[in-house]
Protein backbone atom coordinates (compact mmCIF):
# COMPACT_ATOMS: atom_id res chain seq x y z
CA MET A 1 0.00 0.00 0.00
CA SER A 2 2.99 2.32 0.23
CA GLY A 3 2.56 3.37 -3.39
CA VAL A 4 -1.06 4.28 -2.78
CA TRP A 5 -0.10 6.33 0.26
CA ALA A 6 2.29 8.35 -1.87
CA ARG A 7 -0.77 9.64 -3.71
CA TYR A 8 -2.29 10.75 -0.40
CA SER A 9 0.70 12.46 1.18
CA PHE A 10 -1.70 14.96 2.67
CA VAL A 11 0.63 16.51 5.21
CA GLU A 12 3.37 17.33 2.73
CA ARG A 13 1.20 18.16 -0.26
CA VAL A 14 -1.79 20.02 1.11
CA LEU A 15 -1.14 21.10 4.69
CA GLY A 16 2.45 22.02 3.97
CA ALA A 17 1.24 24.41 1.31
CA ALA A 18 -1.26 25.93 3.71
CA PHE A 19 1.11 26.52 6.63
CA GLY A 20 4.58 26.32 5.17
CA VAL A 21 7.40 23.84 5.48
CA ALA A 22 8.41 25.05 8.96
CA ALA A 23 5.22 23.69 10.39
CA LEU A 24 6.25 20.22 9.28
CA LEU A 25 9.62 20.11 10.98
CA ALA A 26 8.17 18.44 14.06
CA CYS A 27 5.28 16.09 13.50
CA GLY A 28 3.88 13.54 15.86
CA PRO A 29 0.85 11.97 17.43
CA GLY A 30 0.76 14.07 20.60
CA ASP A 31 -0.49 12.27 23.68
CA ALA A 32 -4.03 11.38 24.53
CA ALA A 33 -5.87 10.13 27.55
CA GLY A 34 -9.65 9.99 27.93
CA ARG A 35 -11.33 13.25 27.03
CA SER A 36 -8.28 15.49 26.99
CA VAL A 37 -5.22 15.63 24.75
CA THR A 38 -2.00 17.62 24.62
CA ILE A 39 -0.60 18.40 21.17
CA GLN A 40 2.86 19.85 20.85
CA ALA A 41 3.40 23.01 18.83
CA ASN A 42 3.76 22.72 15.06
CA GLN A 43 2.66 19.09 14.97
CA TRP A 44 0.02 17.78 12.62
CA ARG A 45 -2.36 15.38 14.32
CA GLN A 46 -5.09 13.14 12.96
CA LEU A 47 -7.75 13.40 15.63
CA ALA A 48 -11.37 12.55 16.35
CA LEU A 49 -13.86 13.47 19.06
CA PRO A 50 -13.74 10.88 21.91
CA CYS A 51 -17.16 11.85 23.27
CA ALA A 52 -20.35 13.59 22.19
CA PRO A 53 -20.36 17.41 22.53
CA VAL A 54 -23.34 18.60 24.54
CA ALA A 55 -26.29 20.02 22.62
CA GLY A 56 -25.46 23.30 20.96
CA ARG A 57 -21.72 22.88 21.61
CA ASP A 58 -20.72 20.83 18.58
CA SER A 59 -19.32 23.57 16.33
CA ALA A 60 -15.60 23.86 15.63
CA GLN A 61 -15.63 27.12 17.59
CA ALA A 62 -17.32 25.57 20.62
CA VAL A 63 -15.26 22.38 20.63
CA PHE A 64 -11.84 23.86 19.96
CA GLY A 65 -11.95 27.61 19.37
CA ASP A 66 -12.96 28.53 22.91
CA GLN A 67 -9.84 26.74 24.22
CA LEU A 68 -7.32 28.11 21.72
CA ARG A 69 -5.70 31.46 21.23
CA GLY A 70 -5.00 33.10 17.91
CA VAL A 71 -6.75 33.30 14.58
CA TYR A 72 -8.37 30.25 13.00
CA GLY A 73 -6.70 29.50 9.69
CA GLN A 74 -3.49 31.23 10.77
CA ASP A 75 -2.53 30.14 14.29
CA TRP A 76 -4.51 26.91 14.35
CA THR A 77 -6.71 25.05 11.94
CA LEU A 78 -8.71 21.93 11.12
CA TYR A 79 -9.07 20.03 7.87
CA GLY A 80 -11.55 17.31 7.04
CA TYR A 81 -11.66 14.81 4.21
CA ARG A 82 -14.61 14.02 1.97
CA PRO A 83 -14.16 10.69 0.15
CA GLY A 84 -14.21 11.19 -3.56
CA GLU A 85 -13.96 14.98 -3.25
CA GLY A 86 -10.86 15.82 -1.22
CA TYR A 87 -9.85 18.01 1.69
CA PHE A 88 -11.73 20.96 3.15
CA ARG A 89 -11.39 23.37 6.05
CA PRO A 90 -14.56 23.57 8.17
CA ALA A 91 -15.94 26.96 9.08
CA LEU A 92 -15.89 27.74 12.78
CA SER A 93 -19.67 27.49 12.79
CA ASP A 94 -19.69 24.02 11.19
CA ALA A 95 -20.66 21.09 13.38
CA LEU A 96 -17.96 18.49 13.98
CA ARG A 97 -19.07 14.89 13.71
CA GLN A 98 -18.13 11.96 15.87
CA GLY A 99 -16.73 8.98 14.03
CA LEU A 100 -14.89 11.18 11.53
CA GLY A 101 -11.21 12.07 11.54
CA TYR A 102 -9.79 15.58 11.18
CA TRP A 103 -6.34 17.03 10.76
CA PHE A 104 -5.38 19.56 13.43
CA ILE A 105 -2.41 21.86 14.01
CA ALA A 106 -1.59 24.76 16.32
CA LEU A 107 1.46 26.90 15.68
CA GLY A 108 3.76 28.51 18.18
CA GLU A 109 2.97 26.68 21.43
CA ALA A 110 1.63 23.38 22.70
CA VAL A 111 -2.11 23.23 23.26
CA ARG A 112 -4.32 21.19 25.50
CA LEU A 113 -7.78 20.25 24.31
CA ASP A 114 -10.10 19.20 27.10
CA LEU A 115 -13.70 18.10 26.55
CA SER A 116 -14.23 16.73 30.07
CA ALA A 117 -16.75 19.41 31.00
CA SER A 118 -18.48 19.78 27.64
CA CYS A 119 -19.00 16.24 26.40
CA ASP A 120 -21.42 13.38 27.02
CA ASP A 121 -20.79 9.67 26.65
CA THR A 122 -20.72 8.57 23.04
CA PRO A 123 -24.14 7.22 22.01
CA ALA A 124 -24.10 3.63 20.83
CA THR A 125 -26.64 0.91 20.10
CA GLY A 126 -26.72 -2.78 19.33
CA GLY A 127 -28.08 -4.13 16.10
CA ALA A 128 -27.03 -5.86 12.91
CA GLY A 129 -23.30 -6.38 12.66
CA CYS A 130 -22.48 -5.35 16.23
CA PRO A 131 -21.00 -8.17 18.34
CA SER A 132 -23.58 -9.91 20.50
CA GLY A 133 -24.16 -8.17 23.81
CA ARG A 134 -22.24 -5.07 22.78
CA GLU A 135 -23.16 -1.54 21.72
CA CYS A 136 -21.55 0.02 18.66
CA PHE A 137 -21.11 3.45 17.11
CA ALA A 138 -21.73 3.37 13.36
CA THR A 139 -19.80 5.45 10.83
CA ALA A 140 -20.87 5.41 7.20
CA LEU A 141 -18.11 4.44 4.77
CA GLN A 142 -17.99 5.72 1.23
CA ALA A 143 -17.41 3.22 -1.56
CA ARG A 144 -16.47 3.28 -5.22
CA ALA A 145 -17.59 0.59 -7.60
CA ASP A 146 -14.45 0.66 -9.74
CA GLY A 147 -11.96 0.17 -6.93
CA GLY A 148 -10.89 1.19 -3.43
CA GLN A 149 -12.01 4.38 -1.71
CA TRP A 150 -10.17 6.13 1.08
CA ASN A 151 -12.10 7.18 4.19
CA MET A 152 -10.82 9.05 7.26
CA PRO A 153 -12.87 7.83 10.22
CA GLY A 154 -12.03 8.35 13.88
CA HIS A 155 -12.22 6.45 17.15
CA PRO A 156 -15.37 7.79 18.86
CA PHE A 157 -14.77 6.61 22.44
CA ASP A 158 -12.65 7.76 25.38
CA GLN A 159 -11.14 4.30 26.01
CA PRO A 160 -8.72 2.29 23.83
CA LEU A 161 -9.93 -0.45 21.51
CA ALA A 162 -8.05 -3.08 19.50
CA TRP A 163 -8.17 -2.61 15.72
CA GLU A 164 -9.33 -6.19 15.37
CA ALA A 165 -12.40 -5.43 17.52
CA LEU A 166 -13.85 -3.20 14.77
CA ARG A 167 -16.62 -4.58 12.62
CA VAL A 168 -17.63 -3.79 9.06
CA ALA A 169 -21.27 -4.30 8.15
CA ASP A 170 -23.44 -4.06 5.04
CA ASP A 171 -26.58 -5.70 3.74
CA ALA A 172 -24.75 -8.40 1.80
CA ALA A 173 -21.51 -10.29 2.55
CA CYS A 174 -21.04 -8.70 5.97
CA ALA A 175 -24.66 -8.49 7.09
CA SER A 176 -23.73 -10.11 10.42
CA GLY A 177 -20.63 -8.01 10.84
CA CYS A 178 -17.13 -8.83 9.64
CA ALA A 179 -13.84 -8.37 11.45
CA PRO A 180 -11.33 -6.43 9.29
CA ALA A 181 -9.66 -9.59 7.95
CA GLU A 182 -13.06 -11.14 7.14
CA ALA A 183 -14.19 -7.95 5.43
CA GLU A 184 -11.12 -8.01 3.20
CA ALA A 185 -11.76 -11.64 2.30
CA ALA A 186 -15.28 -10.57 1.33
CA GLY A 187 -13.87 -7.80 -0.89
CA VAL A 188 -15.49 -5.06 1.21
CA PHE A 189 -12.83 -3.43 3.40
CA HIS A 190 -9.06 -3.42 3.61
CA SER A 191 -7.92 -5.33 6.70
CA GLN A 192 -5.26 -2.74 7.48
CA GLY A 193 -5.66 0.82 8.77
CA TRP A 194 -3.10 3.62 8.95
CA ARG A 195 -2.43 6.51 11.30
CA TYR A 196 0.03 9.35 10.74
CA GLU A 197 2.83 9.48 13.28
CA GLY A 198 5.49 12.02 12.44
CA SER A 199 7.43 11.24 9.30
CA GLY A 200 5.11 8.54 8.05
CA TYR A 201 2.22 6.19 8.72
CA VAL A 202 1.98 3.24 11.09
CA GLU A 203 -0.18 0.21 10.42
CA LEU A 204 -2.99 -0.34 12.90
CA ALA A 205 -3.44 -4.10 12.71
CA GLY A 206 -2.24 -5.51 16.00
CA ARG A 207 -2.43 -2.08 17.65
CA LEU A 208 -4.90 -0.21 19.81
CA LEU A 209 -6.99 2.69 18.65
CA GLN A 210 -6.57 5.37 21.30
CA PRO A 211 -8.96 8.14 22.34
CA TRP A 212 -8.69 11.09 19.92
CA ASP A 213 -7.28 8.93 17.09
CA GLY A 214 -8.24 9.71 13.53
CA PHE A 215 -7.00 7.26 10.89
CA TRP A 216 -7.21 6.17 7.28
CA ALA A 217 -9.27 3.16 6.19
CA ALA A 218 -10.14 1.91 2.71
CA THR A 219 -13.23 0.27 1.29
CA LEU A 220 -12.76 -2.19 -1.57
CA SER A 221 -14.70 -2.71 -4.77
CA GLY A 222 -17.22 -5.00 -3.07
CA ALA A 223 -18.43 -2.26 -0.73
CA GLY A 224 -21.76 -0.58 -1.30
CA ALA A 225 -23.69 2.49 -0.24
CA ASP A 226 -24.75 0.72 2.95
CA THR A 227 -21.24 -0.17 4.15
CA ARG A 228 -20.50 1.09 7.64
CA LEU A 229 -17.76 0.83 10.23
CA LEU A 230 -18.97 -0.33 13.64
CA THR A 231 -16.89 0.57 16.70
CA PRO A 232 -17.87 -1.43 19.80
CA ARG A 233 -17.98 0.52 23.04
CA PRO A 234 -14.79 -0.38 24.96
CA SER A 235 -15.31 -1.97 28.35
CA PRO A 236 -12.72 -0.79 30.88
CA SER A 237 -11.46 -3.97 32.45
CA TRP A 238 -8.75 -2.79 34.80
CA TRP A 239 -8.90 -2.75 38.59
CA ARG A 240 -10.20 0.44 40.19
CA PRO A 241 -9.76 0.26 43.97
CA ALA A 242 -12.07 2.24 46.23
CA PRO A 243 -11.10 3.85 49.54
CA GLY A 244 -10.86 1.20 52.23
CA THR A 245 -8.78 -1.24 50.16
CA SER A 246 -6.23 -2.99 52.37
CA TRP A 247 -2.72 -3.36 51.00
CA GLN A 248 0.92 -4.25 51.49
CA TRP A 249 3.94 -2.57 49.88
CA GLN A 250 7.19 -4.53 49.67
CA LEU A 251 10.02 -3.68 47.28
CA SER A 252 12.96 -5.40 49.01
CA GLY A 253 13.63 -8.90 50.30
CA ALA A 254 11.71 -12.09 49.66
CA VAL A 255 8.04 -11.17 49.43
CA ASP A 256 6.09 -12.20 52.51
CA THR A 257 2.79 -13.41 51.04
CA ALA A 258 1.11 -14.07 54.40
CA TYR A 259 -0.61 -10.70 54.90
CA ASP A 260 -4.40 -10.88 54.56
CA VAL A 261 -4.84 -7.82 52.37
CA ALA A 262 -6.60 -7.03 49.10
CA MET A 263 -3.56 -5.75 47.22
CA TYR A 264 0.20 -6.28 47.12
CA ASP A 265 2.51 -3.69 45.53
CA ILE A 266 5.76 -5.45 44.56
CA ASP A 267 8.67 -5.02 42.14
CA LEU A 268 7.94 -5.82 38.49
CA THR A 269 11.26 -7.38 37.50
CA GLU A 270 12.58 -8.72 40.81
CA THR A 271 9.44 -10.62 41.82
CA PRO A 272 9.33 -14.25 40.59
CA GLN A 273 6.30 -15.32 38.60
CA ALA A 274 5.54 -17.94 41.24
CA VAL A 275 4.99 -15.21 43.85
CA ILE A 276 2.52 -13.37 41.62
CA ASP A 277 0.71 -16.64 40.96
CA GLU A 278 0.58 -17.41 44.68
CA LEU A 279 -0.89 -14.00 45.47
CA HIS A 280 -3.51 -14.38 42.76
CA ALA A 281 -4.42 -17.84 44.03
CA ALA A 282 -5.06 -16.25 47.44
CA GLY A 283 -7.37 -13.68 45.85
CA ARG A 284 -4.96 -10.74 46.03
CA LYS A 285 -4.56 -8.03 43.41
CA VAL A 286 -0.94 -7.49 42.35
CA ILE A 287 0.48 -4.07 41.50
CA CYS A 288 3.91 -4.08 39.90
CA TYR A 289 6.41 -1.30 40.59
CA TYR A 290 8.70 0.17 37.93
CA SER A 291 10.40 3.52 37.50
CA ALA A 292 8.90 5.57 34.69
CA GLY A 293 11.00 8.67 35.27
CA SER A 294 14.46 7.42 36.17
CA TRP A 295 17.21 5.17 34.84
CA GLU A 296 18.37 2.45 37.22
CA ASN A 297 21.77 0.99 36.44
CA TYR A 298 20.86 -2.48 37.75
CA ARG A 299 17.82 -3.13 35.54
CA ASP A 300 18.05 -5.62 32.66
CA ASP A 301 17.17 -2.95 30.10
CA ALA A 302 19.59 -0.31 31.42
CA ASP A 303 21.76 -0.47 28.29
CA GLN A 304 18.82 0.57 26.11
CA PHE A 305 18.88 4.15 27.44
CA PRO A 306 21.23 6.42 25.45
CA ALA A 307 23.32 8.91 27.40
CA SER A 308 21.37 11.78 25.83
CA VAL A 309 18.29 11.00 27.97
CA LEU A 310 20.16 10.54 31.26
CA GLY A 311 20.23 13.53 33.60
CA ASN A 312 21.31 14.20 37.15
CA THR A 313 21.55 11.56 39.86
CA LEU A 314 18.49 11.30 42.11
CA ASP A 315 19.06 12.72 45.56
CA GLY A 316 19.66 9.80 47.91
CA TRP A 317 19.64 7.19 45.14
CA PRO A 318 23.14 6.98 43.60
CA ASP A 319 22.18 4.18 41.21
CA GLU A 320 19.49 6.26 39.48
CA LYS A 321 19.45 9.18 37.06
CA TRP A 322 16.52 11.32 35.96
CA LEU A 323 15.19 10.79 32.44
CA ASP A 324 14.42 13.39 29.79
CA ILE A 325 10.72 12.58 29.61
CA ARG A 326 10.31 14.83 26.56
CA ARG A 327 12.08 12.16 24.50
CA LEU A 328 9.21 9.77 23.90
CA ASP A 329 10.88 8.75 20.66
CA VAL A 330 13.50 7.03 22.85
CA LEU A 331 11.57 6.21 26.00
CA ALA A 332 8.27 4.95 24.55
CA PRO A 333 9.62 1.59 23.27
CA ILE A 334 11.40 0.92 26.58
CA MET A 335 8.45 1.83 28.77
CA ARG A 336 6.01 -0.05 26.55
CA ALA A 337 8.19 -3.15 26.92
CA ARG A 338 8.01 -2.78 30.71
CA LEU A 339 4.22 -2.48 30.57
CA ASP A 340 4.08 -5.47 28.25
CA LEU A 341 6.10 -7.41 30.84
CA ALA A 342 3.64 -6.38 33.56
CA ALA A 343 0.75 -7.61 31.45
CA SER A 344 2.50 -10.86 30.55
CA LYS A 345 3.28 -11.61 34.23
CA GLY A 346 -0.37 -11.08 35.13
CA CYS A 347 0.04 -7.88 37.12
CA ASP A 348 -3.30 -6.24 37.80
CA GLY A 349 -1.75 -2.78 37.65
CA VAL A 350 1.43 -0.77 37.84
CA GLU A 351 3.05 1.79 40.11
CA PRO A 352 5.13 4.11 37.88
CA ASP A 353 7.66 5.89 40.08
CA ASN A 354 9.48 9.23 39.72
CA VAL A 355 6.74 10.96 37.76
CA ASP A 356 7.45 14.41 39.20
CA GLY A 357 10.80 15.15 37.59
CA TYR A 358 9.70 18.61 36.51
CA ALA A 359 9.77 19.66 40.19
CA ASN A 360 13.28 18.28 40.76
CA ASP A 361 16.82 19.06 39.61
CA THR A 362 16.82 16.64 36.68
CA GLY A 363 19.42 18.37 34.52
CA PHE A 364 16.75 19.02 31.87
CA PRO A 365 14.47 22.07 31.45
CA LEU A 366 11.31 20.05 32.09
CA THR A 367 8.06 21.95 32.45
CA ARG A 368 4.79 21.13 34.15
CA ASP A 369 3.24 20.58 30.71
CA ASP A 370 6.04 18.16 29.82
CA GLN A 371 5.29 16.17 32.95
CA LEU A 372 1.54 16.18 32.42
CA ALA A 373 1.98 14.96 28.86
CA TYR A 374 4.29 12.14 29.92
CA ASN A 375 2.14 11.09 32.86
CA ARG A 376 -1.00 11.02 30.72
CA TRP A 377 0.85 8.99 28.11
CA THR A 378 1.90 6.55 30.84
CA ALA A 379 -1.65 6.15 32.13
CA SER A 380 -3.04 5.67 28.64
CA GLU A 381 -0.44 3.01 27.79
CA ALA A 382 -1.19 1.15 31.03
CA HIS A 383 -4.93 1.24 30.40
CA ALA A 384 -4.40 0.08 26.84
CA ARG A 385 -3.04 -3.15 28.35
CA GLY A 386 -5.86 -3.50 30.87
CA LEU A 387 -3.59 -2.40 33.73
CA SER A 388 -4.69 -0.27 36.66
CA VAL A 389 -2.31 2.65 37.25
CA GLY A 390 -1.57 4.79 40.28
CA LEU A 391 -0.22 8.32 40.54
CA LYS A 392 2.86 8.29 42.78
CA ASN A 393 3.41 11.49 44.81
CA ALA A 394 3.27 14.38 42.24
CA LEU A 395 0.81 16.18 44.52
CA ASN A 396 0.63 19.42 42.57
CA LEU A 397 -0.44 17.54 39.44
CA ILE A 398 -3.43 15.84 41.05
CA PRO A 399 -6.07 18.36 39.89
CA ASP A 400 -5.01 17.69 36.30
CA LEU A 401 -4.48 13.94 36.57
CA VAL A 402 -7.12 12.58 38.94
CA ALA A 403 -9.34 11.69 35.97
CA ASP A 404 -6.50 9.81 34.24
CA TYR A 405 -5.33 7.67 37.18
CA ASP A 406 -7.16 4.96 39.12
CA TRP A 407 -5.64 5.52 42.57
CA ALA A 408 -2.91 7.48 44.30
CA LEU A 409 0.14 6.45 46.31
CA ASN A 410 1.93 8.93 48.54
CA GLU A 411 4.88 9.01 50.85
CA GLN A 412 4.97 11.15 53.99
CA CYS A 413 2.14 13.60 53.38
CA PHE A 414 1.48 13.78 57.13
CA GLN A 415 5.13 14.49 57.86
CA TYR A 416 5.07 17.39 55.39
CA ASP A 417 1.50 18.53 56.10
CA GLU A 418 0.25 18.22 52.52
CA CYS A 419 -2.38 15.47 52.72
CA ASP A 420 -5.26 17.74 51.71
CA LEU A 421 -3.87 17.72 48.18
CA LEU A 422 -4.79 14.04 47.89
CA THR A 423 -8.50 14.41 48.68
CA PRO A 424 -9.66 14.75 45.04
CA PHE A 425 -8.98 11.03 44.62
CA VAL A 426 -11.22 10.10 47.54
CA THR A 427 -13.88 12.51 46.27
CA ALA A 428 -13.73 10.63 42.96
CA GLY A 429 -14.20 7.31 44.77
CA LYS A 430 -10.58 6.27 44.21
CA ALA A 431 -8.26 4.80 46.83
CA VAL A 432 -5.41 6.81 48.33
CA PHE A 433 -2.62 4.54 49.55
CA GLY A 434 0.26 5.94 51.56
CA VAL A 435 3.07 5.45 54.04
CA GLU A 436 4.90 7.32 56.75
CA TYR A 437 8.48 6.46 57.59
CA GLN A 438 8.63 8.57 60.76
CA GLY A 439 6.26 9.30 63.63
CA SER A 440 3.96 7.02 65.56
CA VAL A 441 0.82 5.40 64.21
CA GLU A 442 -1.01 7.09 67.08
CA SER A 443 -0.06 10.48 65.63
CA PHE A 444 -1.06 9.99 61.99
CA CYS A 445 -3.48 7.05 61.77
CA PRO A 446 -6.52 8.88 63.22
CA ARG A 447 -6.04 11.63 60.66
CA ALA A 448 -5.51 9.15 57.82
CA ASN A 449 -8.65 7.24 58.72
CA ALA A 450 -10.66 10.47 58.99
CA LEU A 451 -9.60 11.32 55.42
CA ASN A 452 -10.52 7.79 54.27
CA PHE A 453 -6.90 7.12 53.28
CA ASP A 454 -5.31 3.65 53.46
CA TRP A 455 -2.09 4.30 55.35
CA LEU A 456 0.83 2.22 56.60
CA LYS A 457 3.96 2.81 58.60
CA LYS A 458 6.95 1.30 56.80
CA ARG A 459 10.70 1.26 56.98
CA LEU A 460 12.48 3.23 54.27
CA ASP A 461 13.83 0.10 52.59
CA LEU A 462 10.23 -1.11 52.11
CA ASP A 463 10.81 -4.61 53.37
CA ALA A 464 7.98 -6.83 54.61
CA TRP A 465 7.48 -5.09 57.97
CA ARG A 466 4.37 -2.91 58.26
CA LEU A 467 1.90 -1.33 60.66
CA SER A 468 -1.52 -0.60 59.23
CA CYS A 469 -3.86 2.19 60.24
CA ARG A 470 -6.92 0.02 59.56
């Protein structure tokens, strides 16, 4: 298909002419999580609405314009694609449609698009072609009798979905709904999809469609006027602990599996598979620790980090260096492999550590926005694998990240008198786990229990010893 794509080099041929070559020097997918997305400056992005704008708020101006500075068509813009006709730029008053993809760019500075307060759940129904027991969102696909026809649909939900979960339906060969490979065998739909990521396109087979993703798909000569793409509503399957969840945290020594608690938080790479299996057999949830923001010289993948992403040594941890979290081109494959390991070992969730580098002396000019983008990317990647994910410390980021994370884990908020910053998680019905290394349980446990936190006293080396507040 690479030859066909050369004919549709939209970014270089059309958008480059509209905004100039400079706008194309840095292209990429941005980062997405749920109903908000951060897009770096000067980066083209194929995007789609992950939820349904509330009544009267579906225009380009209402969805995007109210959140962006500058002049539409100069400082930021949208383009749509009409199969068989070509590209167009919507007017600000035009309604944007769910299930369709759009090209978006903002020049000069990164932008954050947030529909959390102005969007409803995507409407979906069952019916012909939708998998049994599921609800689907239907997007009409255009066809051409004499050959293939490009369409640019979009993922209409705020949770990830595997490409292979899509269904193609019509009133003939795929009346009962065809998976992409079946639809290609029927001559209706190409089994592969494509999404633009920087300098070229990635194939979507075997990947997850993420919230906000627009993409290319092609109907084949067997498609008709009734051909439609059905996107099943994703079902979040990861663990979401509520306040009052008992737990144990052990990152050193042989794991003591005897504690009668709901959750164990243990090291991802150091913990043998047999221990995880034993905990599961006892009905425990298993959270697996890894460092998302630092390099550790003793990890098996330490040699995969180039020197260019290694910063200053962490205070008190001589074997660790801060990472340049802006370099997702380098870090994403490494961190995805760690999350893949967590999934393959059967971890129910992950505890990504050192996710507040922007507030430390990392050796890099990291900003709050850099950290938010990286932390949202981390949460989205964990959820894409069905993993629960907790926000570790990073107290000043909680207002922005409470919707993206499933629980919080904190160290020493009572010692530093900053526990009130954690309450948005409890308000959202999400557990707040925590430890104190100093002070007596008599001094902090009553306060922890009053806040509905799940608190322990631990030693700094996080061995098996613990005292629980409840």
